[in-house]
Structure formats: structure tokens, C-alpha cells
PDB file of N, CA and C in Angstrom:
ATOM      1  N   MET A   1      58.659  48.612 118.408  1.00  0.00           N
ATOM      2  CA  MET A   1      59.123  49.824 119.034  1.00  0.00           C
ATOM      3  C   MET A   1      57.964  50.571 119.640  1.00  0.00           C
ATOM      4  N   GLU A   2      58.298  51.157 120.711  1.00  0.00           N
ATOM      5  CA  GLU A   2      57.270  51.930 121.395  1.00  0.00           C
ATOM      6  C   GLU A   2      57.221  53.337 120.809  1.00  0.00           C
ATOM      7  N   MET A   3      56.225  54.032 121.219  1.00  0.00           N
ATOM      8  CA  MET A   3      56.004  55.402 120.738  1.00  0.00           C
ATOM      9  C   MET A   3      57.151  56.326 121.146  1.00  0.00           C
ATOM     10  N   MET A   4      57.701  56.142 122.321  1.00  0.00           N
ATOM     11  CA  MET A   4      58.790  56.982 122.814  1.00  0.00           C
ATOM     12  C   MET A   4      60.051  56.750 121.987  1.00  0.00           C
ATOM     13  N   ASP A   5      60.321  55.504 121.606  1.00  0.00           N
ATOM     14  CA  ASP A   5      61.476  55.200 120.763  1.00  0.00           C
ATOM     15  C   ASP A   5      61.336  55.870 119.394  1.00  0.00           C
ATOM     16  N   MET A   6      60.161  55.876 118.848  1.00  0.00           N
ATOM     17  CA  MET A   6      59.909  56.505 117.547  1.00  0.00           C
ATOM     18  C   MET A   6      60.124  58.022 117.627  1.00  0.00           C
ATOM     19  N   ILE A   7      59.689  58.617 118.722  1.00  0.00           N
ATOM     20  CA  ILE A   7      59.875  60.064 118.905  1.00  0.00           C
ATOM     21  C   ILE A   7      61.356  60.391 119.012  1.00  0.00           C
ATOM     22  N   VAL A   8      62.105  59.639 119.788  1.00  0.00           N
ATOM     23  CA  VAL A   8      63.545  59.863 119.947  1.00  0.00           C
ATOM     24  C   VAL A   8      64.254  59.669 118.611  1.00  0.00           C
ATOM     25  N   LEU A   9      63.883  58.622 117.866  1.00  0.00           N
ATOM     26  CA  LEU A   9      64.476  58.363 116.571  1.00  0.00           C
ATOM     27  C   LEU A   9      64.157  59.498 115.589  1.00  0.00           C
ATOM     28  N   GLY A  10      62.950  59.987 115.608  1.00  0.00           N
ATOM     29  CA  GLY A  10      62.544  61.100 114.758  1.00  0.00           C
ATOM     30  C   GLY A  10      63.315  62.369 115.094  1.00  0.00           C
ATOM     31  N   LEU A  11      63.474  62.633 116.381  1.00  0.00           N
ATOM     32  CA  LEU A  11      64.251  63.805 116.801  1.00  0.00           C
ATOM     33  C   LEU A  11      65.720  63.678 116.402  1.00  0.00           C
ATOM     34  N   LEU A  12      66.243  62.455 116.490  1.00  0.00           N
ATOM     35  CA  LEU A  12      67.625  62.224 116.091  1.00  0.00           C
ATOM     36  C   LEU A  12      67.810  62.471 114.584  1.00  0.00           C
ATOM     37  N   VAL A  13      66.871  61.997 113.776  1.00  0.00           N
ATOM     38  CA  VAL A  13      66.916  62.221 112.332  1.00  0.00           C
ATOM     39  C   VAL A  13      66.806  63.727 112.047  1.00  0.00           C
ATOM     40  N   LEU A  14      65.914  64.414 112.746  1.00  0.00           N
ATOM     41  CA  LEU A  14      65.759  65.854 112.585  1.00  0.00           C
ATOM     42  C   LEU A  14      67.049  66.583 112.959  1.00  0.00           C
ATOM     43  N   LEU A  15      67.688  66.147 114.019  1.00  0.00           N
ATOM     44  CA  LEU A  15      68.951  66.748 114.446  1.00  0.00           C
ATOM     45  C   LEU A  15      70.038  66.548 113.390  1.00  0.00           C
ATOM     46  N   VAL A  16      70.108  65.362 112.795  1.00  0.00           N
ATOM     47  CA  VAL A  16      71.102  65.090 111.750  1.00  0.00           C
ATOM     48  C   VAL A  16      70.827  65.959 110.526  1.00  0.00           C
ATOM     49  N   ILE A  17      69.558  66.112 110.156  1.00  0.00           N
ATOM     50  CA  ILE A  17      69.200  66.959 109.008  1.00  0.00           C
ATOM     51  C   ILE A  17      69.598  68.409 109.279  1.00  0.00           C
ATOM     52  N   ILE A  18      69.321  68.893 110.475  1.00  0.00           N
ATOM     53  CA  ILE A  18      69.692  70.266 110.840  1.00  0.00           C
ATOM     54  C   ILE A  18      71.213  70.425 110.807  1.00  0.00           C
ATOM     55  N   LEU A  19      71.934  69.404 111.263  1.00  0.00           N
ATOM     56  CA  LEU A  19      73.394  69.439 111.249  1.00  0.00           C
ATOM     57  C   LEU A  19      73.922  69.569 109.817  1.00  0.00           C
ATOM     58  N   PHE A  20      73.375  68.798 108.882  1.00  0.00           N
ATOM     59  CA  PHE A  20      73.811  68.890 107.478  1.00  0.00           C
ATOM     60  C   PHE A  20      73.468  70.250 106.872  1.00  0.00           C
ATOM     61  N   ILE A  21      72.319  70.787 107.210  1.00  0.00           N
ATOM     62  CA  ILE A  21      71.932  72.110 106.708  1.00  0.00           C
ATOM     63  C   ILE A  21      72.905  73.169 107.214  1.00  0.00           C
ATOM     64  N   LEU A  22      73.253  73.104 108.491  1.00  0.00           N
ATOM     65  CA  LEU A  22      74.180  74.070 109.075  1.00  0.00           C
ATOM     66  C   LEU A  22      75.589  73.938 108.479  1.00  0.00           C
ATOM     67  N   MET A  23      76.012  72.711 108.202  1.00  0.00           N
ATOM     68  CA  MET A  23      77.320  72.511 107.583  1.00  0.00           C
ATOM     69  C   MET A  23      77.349  73.112 106.174  1.00  0.00           C
ATOM     70  N   ASN A  24      76.240  72.952 105.438  1.00  0.00           N
ATOM     71  CA  ASN A  24      76.146  73.516 104.093  1.00  0.00           C
ATOM     72  C   ASN A  24      76.186  75.046 104.153  1.00  0.00           C
ATOM     73  N   LYS A  25      75.433  75.634 105.061  1.00  0.00           N
ATOM     74  CA  LYS A  25      75.424  77.097 105.219  1.00  0.00           C
ATOM     75  C   LYS A  25      76.810  77.598 105.610  1.00  0.00           C
ATOM     76  N   ASN A  26      77.484  76.867 106.495  1.00  0.00           N
ATOM     77  CA  ASN A  26      78.819  77.253 106.935  1.00  0.00           C
ATOM     78  C   ASN A  26      79.797  77.250 105.759  1.00  0.00           C
ATOM     79  N   ALA A  27      79.702  76.267 104.897  1.00  0.00           N
ATOM     80  CA  ALA A  27      80.580  76.196 103.732  1.00  0.00           C
ATOM     81  C   ALA A  27      80.328  77.389 102.802  1.00  0.00           C
ATOM     82  N   LYS A  28      79.062  77.730 102.589  1.00  0.00           N
ATOM     83  CA  LYS A  28      78.736  78.868 101.731  1.00  0.00           C
ATOM     84  C   LYS A  28      79.242  80.175 102.341  1.00  0.00           C
ATOM     85  N   LEU A  29      79.046  80.345 103.656  1.00  0.00           N
ATOM     86  CA  LEU A  29      79.524  81.557 104.317  1.00  0.00           C
ATOM     87  C   LEU A  29      81.050  81.650 104.294  1.00  0.00           C
ATOM     88  N   SER A  30      81.713  80.521 104.411  1.00  0.00           N
ATOM     89  CA  SER A  30      83.174  80.509 104.349  1.00  0.00           C
ATOM     90  C   SER A  30      83.653  80.951 102.973  1.00  0.00           C
ATOM     91  N   ALA A  31      83.001  80.486 101.923  1.00  0.00           N
ATOM     92  CA  ALA A  31      83.365  80.889 100.556  1.00  0.00           C
ATOM     93  C   ALA A  31      83.113  82.384 100.350  1.00  0.00           C
ATOM     94  N   GLU A  32      81.997  82.874 100.844  1.00  0.00           N
ATOM     95  CA  GLU A  32      81.695  84.303 100.720  1.00  0.00           C
ATOM     96  C   GLU A  32      82.691  85.145 101.509  1.00  0.00           C
ATOM     97  N   ASN A  33      83.071  84.652 102.683  1.00  0.00           N
ATOM     98  CA  ASN A  33      84.055  85.365 103.501  1.00  0.00           C
ATOM     99  C   ASN A  33      85.394  85.450 102.780  1.00  0.00           C
ATOM    100  N   LYS A  34      85.780  84.374 102.099  1.00  0.00           N
ATOM    101  CA  LYS A  34      87.031  84.377 101.348  1.00  0.00           C
ATOM    102  C   LYS A  34      86.967  85.398 100.216  1.00  0.00           C
ATOM    103  N   LYS A  35      85.847  85.455  99.505  1.00  0.00           N
ATOM    104  CA  LYS A  35      85.687  86.424  98.422  1.00  0.00           C
ATOM    105  C   LYS A  35      85.753  87.855  98.966  1.00  0.00           C
ATOM    106  N   LEU A  36      85.087  88.101 100.091  1.00  0.00           N
ATOM    107  CA  LEU A  36      85.106  89.438 100.675  1.00  0.00           C
ATOM    108  C   LEU A  36      86.511  89.827 101.133  1.00  0.00           C
ATOM    109  N   THR A  37      87.258  88.882 101.650  1.00  0.00           N
ATOM    110  CA  THR A  37      88.633  89.148 102.060  1.00  0.00           C
ATOM    111  C   THR A  37      89.485  89.540 100.854  1.00  0.00           C
ATOM    112  N   GLU A  38      89.295  88.819  99.738  1.00  0.00           N
ATOM    113  CA  GLU A  38      90.029  89.156  98.518  1.00  0.00           C
ATOM    114  C   GLU A  38      89.646  90.552  98.028  1.00  0.00           C
ATOM    115  N   ILE A  39      88.363  90.880  98.100  1.00  0.00           N
ATOM    116  CA  ILE A  39      87.902  92.206  97.687  1.00  0.00           C
ATOM    117  C   ILE A  39      88.525  93.284  98.566  1.00  0.00           C
ATOM    118  N   LEU A  40      88.588  93.041  99.866  1.00  0.00           N
ATOM    119  CA  LEU A  40      89.203  94.015 100.772  1.00  0.00           C
ATOM    120  C   LEU A  40      90.690  94.200 100.473  1.00  0.00           C
ATOM    121  N   GLU A  41      91.386  93.112 100.121  1.00  0.00           N
ATOM    122  CA  GLU A  41      92.797  93.226  99.785  1.00  0.00           C
ATOM    123  C   GLU A  41      92.980  94.062  98.517  1.00  0.00           C
ATOM    124  N   VAL A  42      92.128  93.822  97.519  1.00  0.00           N
ATOM    125  CA  VAL A  42      92.202  94.605  96.283  1.00  0.00           C
ATOM    126  C   VAL A  42      91.903  96.077  96.568  1.00  0.00           C
ATOM    127  N   LYS A  43      90.925  96.322  97.436  1.00  0.00           N
ATOM    128  CA  LYS A  43      90.582  97.699  97.800  1.00  0.00           C
ATOM    129  C   LYS A  43      91.766  98.384  98.473  1.00  0.00           C
ATOM    130  N   ASP A  44      92.432  97.694  99.379  1.00  0.00           N
ATOM    131  CA  ASP A  44      93.579  98.278 100.073  1.00  0.00           C
ATOM    132  C   ASP A  44      94.713  98.589  99.102  1.00  0.00           C
ATOM    133  N   VAL A  45      94.958  97.678  98.153  1.00  0.00           N
ATOM    134  CA  VAL A  45      96.003  97.912  97.158  1.00  0.00           C
ATOM    135  C   VAL A  45      95.628  99.096  96.277  1.00  0.00           C
ATOM    136  N   THR A  46      94.363  99.184  95.898  1.00  0.00           N
ATOM    137  CA  THR A  46      93.905 100.288  95.057  1.00  0.00           C
ATOM    138  C   THR A  46      94.065 101.619  95.782  1.00  0.00           C
ATOM    139  N   ILE A  47      93.705 101.656  97.050  1.00  0.00           N
ATOM    140  CA  ILE A  47      93.849 102.888  97.833  1.00  0.00           C
ATOM    141  C   ILE A  47      95.324 103.264  97.956  1.00  0.00           C
ATOM    142  N   ALA A  48      96.181 102.288  98.200  1.00  0.00           N
ATOM    143  CA  ALA A  48      97.617 102.565  98.319  1.00  0.00           C
ATOM    144  C   ALA A  48      98.172 103.106  97.004  1.00  0.00           C
ATOM    145  N   ASN A  49      97.750 102.511  95.885  1.00  0.00           N
ATOM    146  CA  ASN A  49      98.206 102.997  94.571  1.00  0.00           C
ATOM    147  C   ASN A  49      97.695 104.405  94.302  1.00  0.00           C
ATOM    148  N   TYR A  50      96.459 104.666  94.682  1.00  0.00           N
ATOM    149  CA  TYR A  50      95.886 105.998  94.484  1.00  0.00           C
ATOM    150  C   TYR A  50      96.649 107.034  95.297  1.00  0.00           C
ATOM    151  N   GLU A  51      96.936 106.709  96.558  1.00  0.00           N
ATOM    152  CA  GLU A  51      97.674 107.647  97.404  1.00  0.00           C
ATOM    153  C   GLU A  51      99.085 107.874  96.865  1.00  0.00           C
ATOM    154  N   ALA A  52      99.709 106.812  96.371  1.00  0.00           N
ATOM    155  CA  ALA A  52     101.058 106.956  95.806  1.00  0.00           C
ATOM    156  C   ALA A  52     101.028 107.835  94.557  1.00  0.00           C
ATOM    157  N   SER A  53     100.006 107.673  93.740  1.00  0.00           N
ATOM    158  CA  SER A  53      99.925 108.499  92.534  1.00  0.00           C
ATOM    159  C   SER A  53      99.644 109.957  92.890  1.00  0.00           C
ATOM    160  N   ARG A  54      98.841 110.180  93.939  1.00  0.00           N
ATOM    161  CA  ARG A  54      98.595 111.557  94.384  1.00  0.00           C
ATOM    162  C   ARG A  54      99.888 112.207  94.850  1.00  0.00           C
ATOM    163  N   VAL A  55     100.700 111.451  95.586  1.00  0.00           N
ATOM    164  CA  VAL A  55     101.979 111.980  96.062  1.00  0.00           C
ATOM    165  C   VAL A  55     102.880 112.282  94.878  1.00  0.00           C
ATOM    166  N   ALA A  56     102.899 111.375  93.900  1.00  0.00           N
ATOM    167  CA  ALA A  56     103.741 111.591  92.721  1.00  0.00           C
ATOM    168  C   ALA A  56     103.299 112.831  91.955  1.00  0.00           C
ATOM    169  N   VAL A  57     102.002 112.991  91.786  1.00  0.00           N
ATOM    170  CA  VAL A  57     101.496 114.163  91.067  1.00  0.00           C
ATOM    171  C   VAL A  57     101.799 115.438  91.844  1.00  0.00           C
ATOM    172  N   SER A  58     101.638 115.405  93.153  1.00  0.00           N
ATOM    173  CA  SER A  58     101.937 116.602  93.942  1.00  0.00           C
ATOM    174  C   SER A  58     103.428 116.934  93.879  1.00  0.00           C
ATOM    175  N   ASP A  59     104.291 115.896  93.811  1.00  0.00           N
ATOM    176  CA  ASP A  59     105.730 116.149  93.653  1.00  0.00           C
ATOM    177  C   ASP A  59     106.019 116.831  92.329  1.00  0.00           C
ATOM    178  N   VAL A  60     105.370 116.359  91.266  1.00  0.00           N
ATOM    179  CA  VAL A  60     105.585 116.976  89.957  1.00  0.00           C
ATOM    180  C   VAL A  60     105.082 118.416  89.961  1.00  0.00           C
ATOM    181  N   ILE A  61     103.940 118.633  90.588  1.00  0.00           N
ATOM    182  CA  ILE A  61     103.395 119.993  90.642  1.00  0.00           C
ATOM    183  C   ILE A  61     104.324 120.906  91.425  1.00  0.00           C
ATOM    184  N   GLU A  62     104.886 120.404  92.533  1.00  0.00           N
ATOM    185  CA  GLU A  62     105.815 121.204  93.323  1.00  0.00           C
ATOM    186  C   GLU A  62     107.064 121.553  92.510  1.00  0.00           C
ATOM    187  N   ASN A  63     107.510 120.618  91.678  1.00  0.00           N
ATOM    188  CA  ASN A  63     108.735 120.842  90.902  1.00  0.00           C
ATOM    189  C   ASN A  63     108.437 121.288  89.474  1.00  0.00           C
ATOM    190  N   PHE A  64     107.210 121.695  89.208  1.00  0.00           N
ATOM    191  CA  PHE A  64     106.836 122.113  87.859  1.00  0.00           C
ATOM    192  C   PHE A  64     107.638 123.329  87.413  1.00  0.00           C
ATOM    193  N   SER A  65     107.968 124.172  88.366  1.00  0.00           N
ATOM    194  CA  SER A  65     108.730 125.376  88.021  1.00  0.00           C
ATOM    195  C   SER A  65     110.112 125.025  87.475  1.00  0.00           C
ATOM    196  N   SER A  66     110.647 123.873  87.867  1.00  0.00           N
ATOM    197  CA  SER A  66     111.973 123.481  87.385  1.00  0.00           C
ATOM    198  C   SER A  66     111.882 122.570  86.165  1.00  0.00           C
ATOM    199  N   LEU A  67     110.700 122.376  85.616  1.00  0.00           N
ATOM    200  CA  LEU A  67     110.523 121.498  84.460  1.00  0.00           C
ATOM    201  C   LEU A  67     111.353 121.962  83.279  1.00  0.00           C
ATOM    202  N   ASP A  68     111.315 123.252  82.986  1.00  0.00           N
ATOM    203  CA  ASP A  68     112.062 123.767  81.834  1.00  0.00           C
ATOM    204  C   ASP A  68     113.566 123.580  82.014  1.00  0.00           C
ATOM    205  N   ASP A  69     114.054 123.846  83.232  1.00  0.00           N
ATOM    206  CA  ASP A  69     115.485 123.678  83.492  1.00  0.00           C
ATOM    207  C   ASP A  69     115.898 122.218  83.328  1.00  0.00           C
ATOM    208  N   VAL A  70     115.085 121.315  83.874  1.00  0.00           N
ATOM    209  CA  VAL A  70     115.399 119.883  83.796  1.00  0.00           C
ATOM    210  C   VAL A  70     115.408 119.433  82.341  1.00  0.00           C
ATOM    211  N   MET A  71     114.374 119.786  81.597  1.00  0.00           N
ATOM    212  CA  MET A  71     114.274 119.329  80.213  1.00  0.00           C
ATOM    213  C   MET A  71     115.365 119.955  79.332  1.00  0.00           C
ATOM    214  N   THR A  72     115.759 121.185  79.634  1.00  0.00           N
ATOM    215  CA  THR A  72     116.851 121.819  78.880  1.00  0.00           C
ATOM    216  C   THR A  72     118.144 121.041  79.085  1.00  0.00           C
ATOM    217  N   LEU A  73     118.430 120.690  80.330  1.00  0.00           N
ATOM    218  CA  LEU A  73     119.654 119.939  80.621  1.00  0.00           C
ATOM    219  C   LEU A  73     119.604 118.527  80.035  1.00  0.00           C
ATOM    220  N   ILE A  74     118.447 117.871  80.129  1.00  0.00           N
ATOM    221  CA  ILE A  74     118.304 116.516  79.578  1.00  0.00           C
ATOM    222  C   ILE A  74     118.469 116.549  78.063  1.00  0.00           C
ATOM    223  N   ASN A  75     117.835 117.527  77.411  1.00  0.00           N
ATOM    224  CA  ASN A  75     117.947 117.636  75.948  1.00  0.00           C
ATOM    225  C   ASN A  75     119.354 118.016  75.506  1.00  0.00           C
ATOM    226  N   ALA A  76     120.108 118.658  76.410  1.00  0.00           N
ATOM    227  CA  ALA A  76     121.491 119.022  76.097  1.00  0.00           C
ATOM    228  C   ALA A  76     122.429 117.827  76.249  1.00  0.00           C
ATOM    229  N   GLY A  77     121.900 116.702  76.703  1.00  0.00           N
ATOM    230  CA  GLY A  77     122.719 115.490  76.804  1.00  0.00           C
ATOM    231  C   GLY A  77     123.173 115.155  78.209  1.00  0.00           C
ATOM    232  N   GLU A  78     122.730 115.903  79.184  1.00  0.00           N
ATOM    233  CA  GLU A  78     123.104 115.619  80.571  1.00  0.00           C
ATOM    234  C   GLU A  78     122.396 114.335  81.037  1.00  0.00           C
ATOM    235  N   SER A  79     123.035 113.623  81.936  1.00  0.00           N
ATOM    236  CA  SER A  79     122.406 112.430  82.502  1.00  0.00           C
ATOM    237  C   SER A  79     121.442 112.845  83.621  1.00  0.00           C
ATOM    238  N   LYS A  80     120.557 111.944  83.963  1.00  0.00           N
ATOM    239  CA  LYS A  80     119.591 112.242  85.027  1.00  0.00           C
ATOM    240  C   LYS A  80     120.310 112.509  86.344  1.00  0.00           C
ATOM    241  N   ALA A  81     121.353 111.740  86.601  1.00  0.00           N
ATOM    242  CA  ALA A  81     122.094 111.901  87.861  1.00  0.00           C
ATOM    243  C   ALA A  81     122.773 113.266  87.927  1.00  0.00           C
ATOM    244  N   SER A  82     123.354 113.705  86.814  1.00  0.00           N
ATOM    245  CA  SER A  82     124.040 115.010  86.845  1.00  0.00           C
ATOM    246  C   SER A  82     123.025 116.148  86.954  1.00  0.00           C
ATOM    247  N   VAL A  83     121.872 115.996  86.314  1.00  0.00           N
ATOM    248  CA  VAL A  83     120.813 117.013  86.445  1.00  0.00           C
ATOM    249  C   VAL A  83     120.347 117.078  87.889  1.00  0.00           C
ATOM    250  N   SER A  84     120.226 115.901  88.509  1.00  0.00           N
ATOM    251  CA  SER A  84     119.806 115.837  89.911  1.00  0.00           C
ATOM    252  C   SER A  84     120.800 116.566  90.804  1.00  0.00           C
ATOM    253  N   GLU A  85     122.082 116.377  90.545  1.00  0.00           N
ATOM    254  CA  GLU A  85     123.108 117.043  91.354  1.00  0.00           C
ATOM    255  C   GLU A  85     123.122 118.555  91.107  1.00  0.00           C
ATOM    256  N   LYS A  86     123.019 118.953  89.836  1.00  0.00           N
ATOM    257  CA  LYS A  86     123.098 120.379  89.511  1.00  0.00           C
ATOM    258  C   LYS A  86     121.925 121.169  90.078  1.00  0.00           C
ATOM    259  N   LEU A  87     120.728 120.599  89.966  1.00  0.00           N
ATOM    260  CA  LEU A  87     119.529 121.323  90.414  1.00  0.00           C
ATOM    261  C   LEU A  87     119.127 120.993  91.849  1.00  0.00           C
ATOM    262  N   ASN A  88     119.868 120.063  92.461  1.00  0.00           N
ATOM    263  CA  ASN A  88     119.589 119.662  93.841  1.00  0.00           C
ATOM    264  C   ASN A  88     118.151 119.144  94.001  1.00  0.00           C
ATOM    265  N   ILE A  89     117.747 118.308  93.053  1.00  0.00           N
ATOM    266  CA  ILE A  89     116.426 117.673  93.074  1.00  0.00           C
ATOM    267  C   ILE A  89     116.675 116.165  93.095  1.00  0.00           C
ATOM    268  N   PRO A  90     115.941 115.416  93.917  1.00  0.00           N
ATOM    269  CA  PRO A  90     116.143 113.962  93.945  1.00  0.00           C
ATOM    270  C   PRO A  90     115.928 113.328  92.570  1.00  0.00           C
ATOM    271  N   LEU A  91     116.649 112.249  92.318  1.00  0.00           N
ATOM    272  CA  LEU A  91     116.592 111.571  91.028  1.00  0.00           C
ATOM    273  C   LEU A  91     115.184 111.075  90.710  1.00  0.00           C
ATOM    274  N   SER A  92     114.473 110.610  91.729  1.00  0.00           N
ATOM    275  CA  SER A  92     113.114 110.118  91.488  1.00  0.00           C
ATOM    276  C   SER A  92     112.208 111.239  90.978  1.00  0.00           C
ATOM    277  N   LYS A  93     112.405 112.452  91.488  1.00  0.00           N
ATOM    278  CA  LYS A  93     111.596 113.581  91.024  1.00  0.00           C
ATOM    279  C   LYS A  93     111.999 114.005  89.614  1.00  0.00           C
ATOM    280  N   ILE A  94     113.273 113.866  89.289  1.00  0.00           N
ATOM    281  CA  ILE A  94     113.722 114.157  87.925  1.00  0.00           C
ATOM    282  C   ILE A  94     113.019 113.210  86.950  1.00  0.00           C
ATOM    283  N   GLU A  95     112.961 111.923  87.327  1.00  0.00           N
ATOM    284  CA  GLU A  95     112.300 110.936  86.462  1.00  0.00           C
ATOM    285  C   GLU A  95     110.810 111.252  86.318  1.00  0.00           C
ATOM    286  N   LEU A  96     110.176 111.688  87.398  1.00  0.00           N
ATOM    287  CA  LEU A  96     108.763 112.060  87.320  1.00  0.00           C
ATOM    288  C   LEU A  96     108.564 113.275  86.411  1.00  0.00           C
ATOM    289  N   ILE A  97     109.469 114.220  86.492  1.00  0.00           N
ATOM    290  CA  ILE A  97     109.362 115.408  85.645  1.00  0.00           C
ATOM    291  C   ILE A  97     109.501 115.012  84.171  1.00  0.00           C
ATOM    292  N   ILE A  98     110.420 114.096  83.889  1.00  0.00           N
ATOM    293  CA  ILE A  98     110.609 113.639  82.505  1.00  0.00           C
ATOM    294  C   ILE A  98     109.359 112.916  82.011  1.00  0.00           C
ATOM    295  N   LYS A  99     108.787 112.054  82.860  1.00  0.00           N
ATOM    296  CA  LYS A  99     107.548 111.362  82.479  1.00  0.00           C
ATOM    297  C   LYS A  99     106.421 112.365  82.248  1.00  0.00           C
ATOM    298  N   PHE A 100     106.335 113.354  83.102  1.00  0.00           N
ATOM    299  CA  PHE A 100     105.303 114.368  82.958  1.00  0.00           C
ATOM    300  C   PHE A 100     105.474 115.131  81.646  1.00  0.00           C
ATOM    301  N   ASP A 101     106.730 115.430  81.300  1.00  0.00           N
ATOM    302  CA  ASP A 101     106.999 116.151  80.056  1.00  0.00           C
ATOM    303  C   ASP A 101     106.616 115.299  78.852  1.00  0.00           C
ATOM    304  N   LYS A 102     106.911 113.997  78.905  1.00  0.00           N
ATOM    305  CA  LYS A 102     106.525 113.105  77.810  1.00  0.00           C
ATOM    306  C   LYS A 102     105.005 113.068  77.650  1.00  0.00           C
ATOM    307  N   LEU A 103     104.283 112.999  78.784  1.00  0.00           N
ATOM    308  CA  LEU A 103     102.817 113.005  78.719  1.00  0.00           C
ATOM    309  C   LEU A 103     102.313 114.326  78.148  1.00  0.00           C
ATOM    310  N   LYS A 104     102.962 115.414  78.524  1.00  0.00           N
ATOM    311  CA  LYS A 104     102.557 116.725  78.049  1.00  0.00           C
ATOM    312  C   LYS A 104     102.735 116.824  76.529  1.00  0.00           C
ATOM    313  N   HIS A 105     103.818 116.256  76.020  1.00  0.00           N
ATOM    314  CA  HIS A 105     104.063 116.303  74.583  1.00  0.00           C
ATOM    315  C   HIS A 105     103.127 115.364  73.811  1.00  0.00           C
ATOM    316  N   LYS A 106     102.693 114.270  74.419  1.00  0.00           N
ATOM    317  CA  LYS A 106     101.751 113.365  73.756  1.00  0.00           C
ATOM    318  C   LYS A 106     100.404 114.043  73.541  1.00  0.00           C
ATOM    319  N   LYS A 107      99.979 114.812  74.535  1.00  0.00           N
ATOM    320  CA  LYS A 107      98.677 115.476  74.429  1.00  0.00           C
ATOM    321  C   LYS A 107      98.721 116.656  73.463  1.00  0.00           C
ATOM    322  N   ALA A 108      99.894 117.255  73.326  1.00  0.00           N
ATOM    323  CA  ALA A 108     100.021 118.448  72.475  1.00  0.00           C
ATOM    324  C   ALA A 108     100.035 118.115  71.010  1.00  0.00           C
TER     325      ALA A 108
END
């Protein structure tokens, strides 16, 4: 073989080595990208849950004035639906008020 053939062969081997290195780096970056995507999904779910809990707490705070009325009716044996109709408060807020009252009694 001539000197030029050896140079071309050497460059070809170098090119193949660089190709394998790049494929390895690409695989590692792909795995890291997948992990980051999962982290972003968890972050989005966490933010959504946080915002939902803030809304729930603000609803309870808004209806805190009716807490005594709701709990009086519930303790008197009224159903959640009938309390909701009597006080004109949505059923979901009645349930939140009841949960809030249970938490309040646990701490007391």
C-alpha cells in the first residue's frame, strides 16, 4: 500500500471512531431528555394540584361564615344535598366545609 492509501484508511478509521462516539453521546442525551421530560410532567401535575388546592382553600374561606350553619344542619341529620339546597351552596363546597371542620376538630 502506498502512503496515500494508508492516510485514507486512517481517516476512515478515525471517522468510524468519531461516529461511534457521537452515537454514544446521542444515546446518553436521549436518556437525559426523557428524564427531563418526566420531571417537567411531574412539575406540571404538582403545579396543577397546588392551584386546585388553593382554589379549594379559597372556597372554604369564602364560605367560612356558613360553616356553623352547615355543621348544625349536618349534625341534625340533614343530608349534604338538602343542606346544599337550603343554604344555596354547591354540594362540592358543602363537602369542603365538612372536611375543613373535621380538620379543625383534629387539631383542637
